[in-house]
Protein backbone atom coordinates (compact mmCIF):
# COMPACT_ATOMS: atom_id res chain seq x y z
CA VAL A 1 153.28 130.59 105.70
CA GLN A 2 155.50 127.83 106.81
CA LEU A 3 159.08 127.75 105.52
CA GLN A 4 161.65 124.90 105.12
CA ALA A 5 165.44 125.71 104.37
CA SER A 6 167.48 123.11 102.93
CA GLY A 7 171.06 122.79 101.11
CA GLY A 8 173.42 123.44 103.90
CA GLY A 9 176.70 121.42 104.14
CA LEU A 10 180.44 121.43 104.60
CA VAL A 11 182.41 123.15 101.65
CA GLN A 12 185.97 124.22 101.43
CA ALA A 13 186.77 128.09 101.29
CA GLY A 14 186.49 129.14 97.42
CA GLY A 15 183.46 126.67 97.00
CA SER A 16 180.02 127.07 96.24
CA LEU A 17 176.58 126.13 97.82
CA ARG A 18 172.88 126.61 96.73
CA LEU A 19 170.48 127.02 99.65
CA SER A 20 166.74 126.31 98.99
CA CYS A 21 163.87 127.66 101.03
CA ALA A 22 160.30 126.04 100.32
CA ALA A 23 157.18 127.92 101.52
CA SER A 24 153.67 126.50 102.13
CA GLY A 25 150.48 128.23 101.07
CA ARG A 26 149.35 129.63 98.06
CA THR A 27 150.03 133.22 98.50
CA PHE A 28 153.98 133.11 98.34
CA SER A 29 153.85 135.47 95.62
CA SER A 30 152.55 138.19 98.17
CA TYR A 31 155.74 137.79 100.43
CA ALA A 32 159.10 139.45 100.47
CA MET A 33 161.65 137.01 101.43
CA GLY A 34 165.02 137.16 102.92
CA TRP A 35 168.22 135.19 104.20
CA PHE A 36 169.78 135.76 107.58
CA ARG A 37 172.59 133.83 109.29
CA GLN A 38 173.75 133.50 112.78
CA ALA A 39 177.36 132.49 113.71
CA PRO A 40 177.90 130.92 117.06
CA GLY A 41 178.30 133.51 119.62
CA LYS A 42 176.79 136.07 117.48
CA GLU A 43 173.76 137.85 116.64
CA ARG A 44 171.51 136.82 113.67
CA GLU A 45 172.44 139.09 110.80
CA PHE A 46 170.64 140.17 107.53
CA VAL A 47 172.22 138.63 104.36
CA VAL A 48 169.67 139.68 101.44
CA GLY A 49 166.17 140.29 100.75
CA ILE A 50 164.20 139.94 97.31
CA SER A 51 160.78 141.59 96.59
CA ARG A 52 157.56 139.57 96.06
CA SER A 53 158.03 139.91 92.36
CA GLY A 54 161.90 139.28 92.53
CA GLY A 55 162.60 142.55 90.78
CA SER A 56 164.20 143.97 93.57
CA THR A 57 166.88 142.81 95.78
CA TYR A 58 169.18 144.18 98.46
CA TYR A 59 172.46 142.32 99.75
CA ALA A 60 174.60 143.14 102.99
CA ASP A 61 178.00 144.39 102.02
CA SER A 62 179.37 141.17 103.32
CA VAL A 63 178.22 139.09 100.47
CA LYS A 64 177.50 141.36 97.73
CA GLY A 65 178.96 140.23 94.42
CA ARG A 66 179.43 136.51 96.06
CA PHE A 67 175.88 135.55 96.67
CA THR A 68 172.71 135.68 94.31
CA ILE A 69 169.14 135.39 95.45
CA SER A 70 166.44 134.34 93.44
CA ARG A 71 163.03 133.13 93.62
CA ASP A 72 160.39 130.96 91.58
CA ASN A 73 157.01 131.83 92.64
CA ALA A 74 155.48 128.81 90.61
CA LYS A 75 157.48 126.74 93.16
CA ASN A 76 157.09 128.61 96.08
CA THR A 77 160.87 128.67 96.60
CA VAL A 78 163.74 131.18 97.25
CA TYR A 79 167.05 130.19 96.64
CA LEU A 80 170.31 131.60 97.61
CA GLN A 81 173.42 130.69 95.58
CA MET A 82 176.48 131.28 97.40
CA SER A 83 179.95 131.27 95.72
CA SER A 84 183.55 132.16 96.65
CA LEU A 85 182.65 131.09 100.23
CA LYS A 86 184.83 132.13 103.17
CA PRO A 87 185.28 130.80 106.42
CA GLU A 88 183.49 133.67 108.05
CA ASP A 89 180.45 132.79 105.90
CA THR A 90 179.96 129.72 108.35
CA ALA A 91 176.54 130.22 110.26
CA VAL A 92 173.36 128.96 110.46
CA TYR A 93 171.34 130.24 107.46
CA TYR A 94 167.63 131.08 107.90
CA CYS A 95 164.91 132.11 105.34
CA ALA A 96 162.44 134.60 106.30
CA ALA A 97 159.32 135.83 104.98
CA VAL A 98 157.23 138.93 105.54
CA PHE A 99 153.56 139.72 103.81
CA ALA A 100 153.89 142.35 101.37
CA GLY A 101 150.45 142.48 99.71
CA VAL A 102 150.72 144.57 96.49
CA HIS A 103 153.95 146.52 97.22
CA ASP A 104 157.07 145.33 95.56
CA TYR A 105 159.46 145.98 98.68
CA THR A 106 162.43 144.55 100.13
CA GLY A 107 162.87 143.63 103.76
CA ARG A 108 166.43 144.75 105.20
CA SER A 109 166.03 143.92 108.96
CA TYR A 110 165.23 141.33 111.25
CA GLY A 111 162.39 143.39 112.67
CA GLU A 112 160.53 143.41 109.41
CA TYR A 113 160.18 139.87 108.97
CA ASP A 114 156.97 137.73 110.54
CA TYR A 115 157.87 134.05 109.34
CA TRP A 116 161.03 132.23 109.86
CA GLY A 117 162.18 128.68 108.57
CA GLN A 118 164.18 126.22 110.85
CA GLY A 119 167.70 127.28 109.69
CA THR A 120 170.35 125.25 107.57
CA GLN A 121 173.90 124.64 108.73
CA VAL A 122 176.67 126.23 106.27
CA THR A 123 180.11 125.46 107.42
CA VAL A 124 183.19 126.70 105.29
CA SER A 125 186.37 124.96 106.15
CA SER A 126 189.78 127.03 105.23
């Protein structure tokens, strides 16, 4: 599966952005999806994951209550709605996928994901 992330940009603290990740292929609904981010000089960190059906999600504590992940399997797209953005949210955001088959599980770590998009820059100014 190939992933294409978009929607990044420059926003003031307290603002909102919505990221999108479009996936190729006909079996998108068999993949668990996730968002990660990497700030300059830091390791890539998990942000949120969603199961193949969308029925299960898991958020990093740092974004819980501010970010919302969703997916539209008919459009082969996963979204990340980010609100109440903070300067520390500044990073390159990557979407990722892992084949889940019939299991409705949520990936929670870097090593669980097999496919990665190219990343989209999010910059939050103070």
